[in-house]
N, C-alpha and C. Protein backbone atom coordinates (compact mmCIF):
# COMPACT_ATOMS: atom_id res chain seq x y z
N MET A 1 138.03 99.67 91.96
CA MET A 1 138.60 98.83 93.07
C MET A 1 138.27 99.22 94.51
N ALA A 2 138.51 100.73 94.70
CA ALA A 2 138.13 101.63 95.73
C ALA A 2 136.61 101.39 96.25
N SER A 3 135.74 101.97 95.23
CA SER A 3 134.07 102.08 95.12
C SER A 3 133.90 100.54 95.69
N SER A 4 134.44 99.80 95.26
CA SER A 4 133.50 97.84 96.06
C SER A 4 133.88 97.56 97.37
N LEU A 5 135.15 98.80 97.73
CA LEU A 5 135.31 98.94 98.91
C LEU A 5 134.60 99.72 100.03
N LEU A 6 134.08 100.58 99.05
CA LEU A 6 133.32 101.72 99.84
C LEU A 6 131.83 101.28 99.72
N GLY A 7 131.09 100.49 99.34
CA GLY A 7 129.83 100.27 98.73
C GLY A 7 129.07 100.38 100.22
N ALA A 8 127.66 100.27 99.54
CA ALA A 8 126.65 101.00 100.58
C ALA A 8 126.67 99.68 101.59
N ASP A 9 126.77 98.28 101.17
CA ASP A 9 127.07 97.19 102.37
C ASP A 9 127.64 97.59 103.66
N LEU A 10 128.53 98.60 103.36
CA LEU A 10 129.40 98.66 104.53
C LEU A 10 128.55 99.49 105.73
N TYR A 11 127.91 100.61 105.41
CA TYR A 11 127.35 101.62 105.81
C TYR A 11 126.06 101.20 106.74
N PRO A 12 125.63 101.03 107.60
CA PRO A 12 124.58 101.23 108.39
C PRO A 12 123.24 101.98 107.87
N PRO A 13 122.42 101.37 107.43
CA PRO A 13 121.09 101.83 106.89
C PRO A 13 120.48 102.74 108.03
N SER A 14 119.78 104.24 107.20
CA SER A 14 119.04 104.97 108.01
C SER A 14 118.04 104.28 108.11
N SER A 15 117.62 104.99 109.47
CA SER A 15 116.08 105.07 110.55
C SER A 15 114.85 105.77 109.45
N PHE A 16 114.87 106.37 108.95
CA PHE A 16 114.05 107.21 108.57
C PHE A 16 113.38 106.72 107.06
N HIS A 17 113.72 105.92 106.78
CA HIS A 17 112.76 105.37 105.53
C HIS A 17 112.41 103.92 105.77
N PHE A 18 110.94 103.77 106.52
CA PHE A 18 110.33 102.57 106.64
C PHE A 18 108.55 102.48 106.59
N LYS A 19 108.49 101.52 106.04
CA LYS A 19 107.01 100.91 105.81
C LYS A 19 106.56 100.06 107.08
N VAL A 20 105.56 99.96 107.37
CA VAL A 20 104.06 99.33 107.86
C VAL A 20 103.15 98.81 107.42
N ALA A 21 103.25 97.55 107.25
CA ALA A 21 102.06 97.17 106.38
C ALA A 21 100.77 96.36 107.54
N PHE A 22 99.64 96.63 107.12
CA PHE A 22 98.95 95.95 108.26
C PHE A 22 97.57 95.74 107.54
N ALA A 23 97.35 94.15 107.63
CA ALA A 23 96.00 93.70 107.19
C ALA A 23 94.55 94.55 107.39
N ALA A 24 94.80 95.35 108.44
CA ALA A 24 93.67 95.86 108.81
C ALA A 24 93.44 97.46 107.55
N THR A 25 94.01 97.72 106.80
CA THR A 25 94.54 98.61 105.92
C THR A 25 93.66 98.28 104.72
N LEU A 26 93.57 96.98 104.63
CA LEU A 26 92.76 96.78 103.22
C LEU A 26 93.77 97.00 102.40
N GLY A 27 95.07 96.94 102.34
CA GLY A 27 95.95 97.60 101.28
C GLY A 27 95.45 99.54 101.04
N LYS A 28 94.75 99.80 101.72
CA LYS A 28 94.82 101.37 101.44
C LYS A 28 96.05 102.03 102.13
N THR A 29 96.35 103.49 101.59
CA THR A 29 97.56 103.59 102.42
C THR A 29 96.65 104.84 103.70
N ASP A 30 97.39 103.66 104.34
CA ASP A 30 96.84 104.50 105.73
C ASP A 30 98.11 103.95 106.93
N THR A 31 99.09 103.56 106.89
CA THR A 31 100.08 103.23 107.58
C THR A 31 101.53 104.10 107.72
N SER A 32 101.23 105.60 107.06
CA SER A 32 102.33 106.40 107.41
C SER A 32 102.78 107.05 109.29
N PHE A 33 103.67 106.59 109.35
CA PHE A 33 103.86 106.24 110.78
C PHE A 33 105.08 107.11 110.99
N GLN A 34 105.10 108.47 112.24
CA GLN A 34 106.03 108.95 112.09
C GLN A 34 107.45 108.24 113.09
N LYS A 35 107.22 107.30 113.94
CA LYS A 35 108.11 106.41 114.48
C LYS A 35 107.38 104.79 114.79
N VAL A 36 108.32 104.11 114.65
CA VAL A 36 108.07 102.43 115.30
C VAL A 36 109.24 102.33 116.07
N SER A 37 108.65 102.03 117.17
CA SER A 37 109.71 101.13 118.43
C SER A 37 109.31 100.06 118.85
N GLY A 38 109.89 99.23 119.64
CA GLY A 38 109.62 98.04 120.57
C GLY A 38 109.89 96.93 119.68
N ILE A 39 110.77 96.91 118.83
CA ILE A 39 111.19 95.56 117.71
C ILE A 39 112.34 94.75 118.58
N GLY A 40 112.00 94.03 118.89
CA GLY A 40 113.29 93.56 119.92
C GLY A 40 112.90 92.07 120.93
N SER A 41 113.68 91.27 121.40
CA SER A 41 113.61 90.08 122.25
C SER A 41 113.98 89.95 123.27
N GLU A 42 113.56 89.41 124.30
CA GLU A 42 114.20 89.32 125.20
C GLU A 42 114.14 87.99 126.20
N ILE A 43 115.03 86.88 126.55
CA ILE A 43 114.74 86.25 127.39
C ILE A 43 114.82 86.41 128.56
N GLU A 44 113.64 85.85 129.26
CA GLU A 44 113.38 85.59 130.75
C GLU A 44 114.03 84.74 131.39
N THR A 45 115.23 85.01 132.72
CA THR A 45 115.87 83.73 133.20
C THR A 45 115.31 83.72 134.98
N GLU A 46 115.26 82.35 135.61
CA GLU A 46 114.71 82.17 136.46
C GLU A 46 116.34 81.86 137.28
N PRO A 47 116.30 82.29 138.90
CA PRO A 47 117.55 82.07 139.28
C PRO A 47 117.13 80.23 140.24
N VAL A 48 118.63 79.82 140.08
CA VAL A 48 118.57 79.02 140.39
C VAL A 48 119.83 78.64 141.76
N VAL A 49 120.15 78.15 143.02
CA VAL A 49 120.60 78.37 143.60
C VAL A 49 120.75 76.75 143.58
N GLU A 50 122.33 76.42 143.39
CA GLU A 50 122.82 75.43 143.42
C GLU A 50 123.44 75.22 145.11
N GLY A 51 123.03 74.02 145.98
CA GLY A 51 123.11 73.56 146.83
C GLY A 51 124.87 72.82 147.59
N GLY A 52 125.29 74.15 148.53
CA GLY A 52 126.76 74.27 148.63
C GLY A 52 127.75 75.16 148.02
N GLU A 53 127.05 75.86 147.09
CA GLU A 53 128.12 76.95 145.94
C GLU A 53 127.48 77.98 146.69
N ASN A 54 128.15 79.01 147.14
CA ASN A 54 127.43 80.32 147.45
C ASN A 54 127.96 80.96 146.48
N ARG A 55 128.95 80.92 146.08
CA ARG A 55 129.53 82.23 144.64
C ARG A 55 128.71 82.49 143.72
N TYR A 56 127.53 82.43 143.30
CA TYR A 56 127.02 82.53 142.33
C TYR A 56 125.57 82.09 142.46
N VAL A 57 124.83 82.25 142.02
CA VAL A 57 123.47 81.85 141.66
C VAL A 57 123.18 81.55 139.80
N HIS A 58 122.69 80.30 139.53
CA HIS A 58 122.71 80.04 138.04
C HIS A 58 121.30 80.72 137.48
N GLN A 59 121.53 81.22 136.37
CA GLN A 59 120.29 81.62 135.50
C GLN A 59 119.94 80.98 135.10
N LEU A 60 118.77 80.43 134.49
CA LEU A 60 118.32 79.60 133.71
C LEU A 60 117.10 79.93 132.78
N PRO A 61 117.10 79.83 131.52
CA PRO A 61 116.23 80.54 130.66
C PRO A 61 114.67 79.69 130.79
N THR A 62 113.68 80.65 130.51
CA THR A 62 112.44 80.11 131.01
C THR A 62 111.80 80.37 129.68
N LYS A 63 111.67 81.97 128.62
CA LYS A 63 110.39 82.24 127.93
C LYS A 63 111.42 83.56 127.06
N VAL A 64 110.68 83.22 125.89
CA VAL A 64 110.90 84.72 125.37
C VAL A 64 110.37 85.79 125.31
N LYS A 65 110.37 86.78 126.22
CA LYS A 65 109.37 87.99 125.88
C LYS A 65 109.53 88.70 124.89
N HIS A 66 108.73 89.83 124.25
CA HIS A 66 108.45 90.65 123.60
C HIS A 66 108.47 91.97 123.70
N PRO A 67 108.38 93.14 123.92
CA PRO A 67 108.03 94.30 124.51
C PRO A 67 106.75 94.55 123.45
N ARG A 68 105.97 95.46 123.39
CA ARG A 68 104.79 96.13 122.76
C ARG A 68 105.37 96.65 121.75
N LEU A 69 104.57 96.81 120.52
CA LEU A 69 105.57 97.21 119.27
C LEU A 69 104.30 98.63 119.39
N VAL A 70 105.11 99.89 119.29
CA VAL A 70 104.58 101.27 119.53
C VAL A 70 105.07 101.88 118.21
N LEU A 71 103.72 102.88 117.32
CA LEU A 71 103.35 103.39 116.31
C LEU A 71 102.71 104.84 116.62
N GLU A 72 103.88 105.35 116.53
CA GLU A 72 103.47 107.16 116.28
C GLU A 72 103.51 107.85 115.36
N ARG A 73 101.97 108.16 114.74
CA ARG A 73 101.99 108.74 113.69
C ARG A 73 100.66 110.32 114.04
N GLY A 74 100.60 111.19 112.76
CA GLY A 74 99.76 112.30 113.06
C GLY A 74 98.42 111.75 113.48
N ILE A 75 97.41 112.37 114.22
CA ILE A 75 95.82 111.64 114.50
C ILE A 75 95.03 111.98 113.08
N ALA A 76 94.91 110.47 112.65
CA ALA A 76 94.16 110.21 111.87
C ALA A 76 92.36 110.27 111.75
N ASN A 77 91.67 110.46 110.25
CA ASN A 77 90.56 110.85 110.42
C ASN A 77 89.73 109.31 111.04
N MET A 78 88.32 109.16 111.18
CA MET A 78 87.46 108.27 111.77
C MET A 78 87.37 107.69 110.98
N THR A 79 87.95 107.75 109.30
CA THR A 79 87.37 106.92 108.65
C THR A 79 88.54 105.45 107.96
N SER A 80 89.67 105.69 108.97
CA SER A 80 90.83 104.94 108.67
C SER A 80 91.11 103.99 109.00
N PRO A 81 90.86 102.83 108.22
CA PRO A 81 90.72 101.42 108.70
C PRO A 81 91.56 101.01 109.78
N LEU A 82 92.74 101.24 110.20
CA LEU A 82 93.22 101.27 111.37
C LEU A 82 92.33 101.64 112.49
N VAL A 83 91.68 103.09 112.51
CA VAL A 83 91.15 103.74 113.59
C VAL A 83 90.06 102.81 113.34
N ILE A 84 89.70 102.07 112.80
CA ILE A 84 88.26 101.11 112.66
C ILE A 84 88.46 100.31 113.36
N TRP A 85 89.95 99.58 113.10
CA TRP A 85 90.22 98.56 113.86
C TRP A 85 90.47 98.77 115.34
N CYS A 86 91.15 99.55 115.93
CA CYS A 86 91.45 100.25 117.14
C CYS A 86 90.22 100.34 117.75
N ARG A 87 88.85 101.18 117.58
CA ARG A 87 87.47 101.36 117.96
C ARG A 87 87.32 99.88 117.63
N SER A 88 87.32 99.13 117.59
CA SER A 88 86.66 97.86 117.65
C SER A 88 86.95 97.08 118.50
N VAL A 89 88.56 96.99 118.86
CA VAL A 89 89.19 96.98 119.92
C VAL A 89 88.95 97.15 121.27
N LEU A 90 89.02 98.15 121.35
CA LEU A 90 89.17 99.14 122.48
C LEU A 90 87.73 99.73 122.81
N GLU A 91 87.39 100.23 121.99
CA GLU A 91 86.02 100.87 122.80
C GLU A 91 84.79 100.43 122.14
N ALA A 92 84.57 98.85 121.75
CA ALA A 92 83.46 98.32 121.78
C ALA A 92 82.86 97.05 123.00
N GLY A 93 83.76 97.23 123.67
CA GLY A 93 83.07 96.74 125.21
C GLY A 93 83.19 95.07 124.75
N PHE A 94 83.73 94.82 124.66
CA PHE A 94 84.51 93.61 124.20
C PHE A 94 82.78 92.44 123.72
N ILE A 95 81.98 93.24 123.14
CA ILE A 95 80.90 92.87 122.30
C ILE A 95 81.16 91.80 121.39
N ALA A 96 82.23 92.01 120.12
CA ALA A 96 83.07 91.29 119.57
C ALA A 96 84.00 90.28 119.73
N PRO A 97 84.31 89.86 119.11
CA PRO A 97 85.57 88.98 119.46
C PRO A 97 87.18 90.05 118.95
N ILE A 98 87.77 90.02 119.82
CA ILE A 98 89.12 90.73 119.44
C ILE A 98 89.75 90.12 118.05
N VAL A 99 89.95 90.58 116.97
CA VAL A 99 90.55 90.08 115.88
C VAL A 99 92.14 90.25 115.43
N PRO A 100 93.09 89.43 115.96
CA PRO A 100 94.49 89.70 115.61
C PRO A 100 94.87 90.42 114.57
N MET A 101 95.98 90.25 113.86
CA MET A 101 96.26 90.51 112.81
C MET A 101 97.74 90.64 112.55
N PRO A 102 97.59 90.19 111.33
CA PRO A 102 99.50 90.38 111.01
C PRO A 102 100.08 91.58 110.78
N ILE A 103 101.46 92.01 111.55
CA ILE A 103 101.48 93.30 110.88
C ILE A 103 103.24 93.05 110.54
N SER A 104 103.89 93.79 109.42
CA SER A 104 105.05 93.89 109.02
C SER A 104 105.67 95.01 108.53
N VAL A 105 106.88 95.37 109.46
CA VAL A 105 107.42 96.62 109.27
C VAL A 105 108.90 96.26 108.54
N PHE A 106 109.04 96.94 107.81
CA PHE A 106 110.38 96.97 106.44
C PHE A 106 111.16 98.55 106.85
N LEU A 107 112.08 97.83 106.64
CA LEU A 107 113.52 99.18 106.55
C LEU A 107 113.90 99.37 105.52
N LEU A 108 113.44 100.44 104.86
CA LEU A 108 113.51 100.45 102.94
C LEU A 108 114.75 101.16 103.03
N ASP A 109 115.91 100.87 101.63
CA ASP A 109 116.81 101.64 100.93
C ASP A 109 116.48 102.65 100.11
N GLU A 110 117.26 103.16 99.32
CA GLU A 110 116.95 104.61 98.79
C GLU A 110 116.05 104.18 97.31
N ASN A 111 116.10 102.91 97.15
CA ASN A 111 115.10 102.69 95.92
C ASN A 111 113.73 102.26 96.52
N HIS A 112 113.43 102.42 97.78
CA HIS A 112 112.16 101.47 98.52
C HIS A 112 112.22 100.16 98.46
N ALA A 113 113.12 99.46 98.55
CA ALA A 113 113.41 97.76 98.54
C ALA A 113 113.51 97.77 99.99
N PRO A 114 113.02 96.58 100.42
CA PRO A 114 113.42 96.35 101.75
C PRO A 114 114.74 95.66 102.22
N LEU A 115 115.51 96.52 103.11
CA LEU A 115 116.71 96.13 104.03
C LEU A 115 116.86 94.93 104.93
N ARG A 116 115.42 95.06 105.78
CA ARG A 116 115.36 94.22 106.88
C ARG A 116 113.89 94.44 106.75
N ALA A 117 112.99 93.39 107.32
CA ALA A 117 111.84 93.21 107.09
C ALA A 117 111.88 92.26 109.09
N TRP A 118 110.49 92.43 109.43
CA TRP A 118 109.82 91.94 110.65
C TRP A 118 108.73 91.48 110.18
N SER A 119 108.10 90.74 111.02
CA SER A 119 106.92 90.08 111.17
C SER A 119 106.49 90.30 112.39
N PHE A 120 105.07 90.62 112.65
CA PHE A 120 104.72 90.16 113.93
C PHE A 120 103.03 89.60 114.14
N ALA A 121 102.98 88.34 114.66
CA ALA A 121 101.99 87.31 114.15
C ALA A 121 100.97 87.90 115.55
N ASN A 122 99.55 87.46 115.01
CA ASN A 122 98.14 88.23 115.49
C ASN A 122 98.46 89.08 116.61
N ALA A 123 98.67 90.24 116.04
CA ALA A 123 98.72 91.75 117.14
C ALA A 123 97.61 92.01 117.37
N TYR A 124 97.38 92.99 118.13
CA TYR A 124 95.96 93.58 118.20
C TYR A 124 96.36 94.58 118.92
N PRO A 125 95.59 96.06 119.33
CA PRO A 125 95.84 96.96 119.79
C PRO A 125 95.99 96.74 121.16
N VAL A 126 96.36 97.35 122.38
CA VAL A 126 96.23 97.32 123.80
C VAL A 126 96.09 98.59 124.34
N ASN A 127 96.45 99.79 123.66
CA ASN A 127 96.80 101.00 124.36
C ASN A 127 96.53 101.84 123.44
N TRP A 128 95.77 102.94 123.16
CA TRP A 128 95.78 103.99 121.96
C TRP A 128 95.54 105.20 122.34
N GLN A 129 96.14 106.11 122.72
CA GLN A 129 96.32 107.53 123.60
C GLN A 129 96.87 108.76 122.30
N VAL A 130 96.66 110.01 122.63
CA VAL A 130 96.81 110.48 121.85
C VAL A 130 98.12 111.44 122.80
N GLU A 131 99.03 112.10 122.65
CA GLU A 131 99.90 113.03 123.18
C GLU A 131 99.12 114.18 123.41
N ALA A 132 100.19 114.75 124.68
CA ALA A 132 99.58 116.16 125.11
C ALA A 132 99.42 117.06 124.03
N PHE A 133 98.07 117.83 124.12
CA PHE A 133 98.19 119.13 123.10
C PHE A 133 98.84 120.19 124.10
N ALA A 134 99.55 121.23 123.04
CA ALA A 134 100.25 122.21 124.09
C ALA A 134 99.91 123.72 123.05
N SER A 135 99.31 124.81 123.40
CA SER A 135 99.02 125.85 122.76
C SER A 135 100.24 126.75 123.03
N THR A 136 101.57 126.32 123.35
CA THR A 136 102.81 126.84 123.63
C THR A 136 103.23 126.46 122.17
N LYS A 137 102.79 125.23 121.61
CA LYS A 137 103.80 124.40 120.42
C LYS A 137 103.00 124.54 119.15
N ASN A 138 103.76 124.44 118.21
CA ASN A 138 103.39 124.37 117.22
C ASN A 138 103.91 122.58 116.38
N GLU A 139 103.15 122.11 116.64
CA GLU A 139 103.46 120.57 115.95
C GLU A 139 102.24 119.81 116.14
N VAL A 140 102.66 118.40 115.16
CA VAL A 140 101.54 117.77 114.59
C VAL A 140 101.16 117.15 116.18
N ALA A 141 99.41 116.99 115.36
CA ALA A 141 98.86 115.79 117.18
C ALA A 141 99.28 114.86 116.77
N ILE A 142 99.97 113.74 117.40
CA ILE A 142 100.07 112.58 117.79
C ILE A 142 99.60 111.48 118.06
N GLU A 143 99.20 111.00 117.77
CA GLU A 143 98.27 109.09 118.07
C GLU A 143 99.29 108.31 118.38
N LYS A 144 99.36 107.31 119.50
CA LYS A 144 100.12 105.97 119.68
C LYS A 144 99.37 104.71 119.86
N ILE A 145 99.81 104.31 119.26
CA ILE A 145 99.34 102.80 119.09
C ILE A 145 100.11 101.76 119.89
N GLU A 146 99.73 100.96 120.67
CA GLU A 146 100.61 99.88 121.07
C GLU A 146 100.05 98.85 120.70
N LEU A 147 100.52 97.73 120.84
CA LEU A 147 100.32 96.57 120.12
C LEU A 147 100.64 95.29 120.80
N ASN A 148 100.30 94.19 121.02
CA ASN A 148 100.48 92.88 121.83
C ASN A 148 100.92 91.89 120.50
N TYR A 149 101.57 91.18 120.11
CA TYR A 149 101.43 90.31 119.68
C TYR A 149 102.20 89.02 120.45
N ASN A 150 101.63 87.78 119.12
CA ASN A 150 102.27 86.40 119.79
C ASN A 150 103.85 86.41 119.83
N TYR A 151 104.22 86.66 118.54
CA TYR A 151 105.74 86.36 118.72
C TYR A 151 106.16 87.28 117.41
N SER A 152 107.77 87.50 117.09
CA SER A 152 108.05 88.23 116.08
C SER A 152 109.15 87.07 115.24
N ASN A 153 109.10 87.51 113.91
CA ASN A 153 110.25 86.99 113.05
C ASN A 153 111.01 87.85 112.05
N ARG A 154 112.90 87.87 112.44
CA ARG A 154 112.70 88.74 111.11
C ARG A 154 113.13 88.21 110.20
N LEU A 155 112.36 88.86 108.95
CA LEU A 155 112.42 88.16 107.62
C LEU A 155 113.93 88.27 106.64
N ILE A 156 114.17 89.40 106.84
CA ILE A 156 115.72 89.76 105.95
C ILE A 156 116.88 90.63 107.19
């Protein structure tokens, strides 16, 4: 009985075991990321002053806002499908239309099964940068990809 009270469901999941799935990678392993951030939603509000009422201002909801999804990893080679997709959007000078892609982020348990999952509709890169090089540090060179998307859903 004591073991059922101390089950795994009582503990918050670890944040270091996750997976990112892209349509751009065509099923290839190209989505090993060091860090994923920007998963969230926020309702924007509009202040409305009520005539004759000076004690407060009403805050009315207007729309849902999403931060950029930020992915960080070691710099990938030029044949990476994800790098090819980012280059086609950010370096092609808008010669071809931007091809948005669905993205999924999975928080995994110790058996690699999803504990939580989020989907991001019509994502496309809007910022791609390389972190600073430093001769005094012995660290992996990191690239950061920021993505805009239309909306997100928590699947699990």
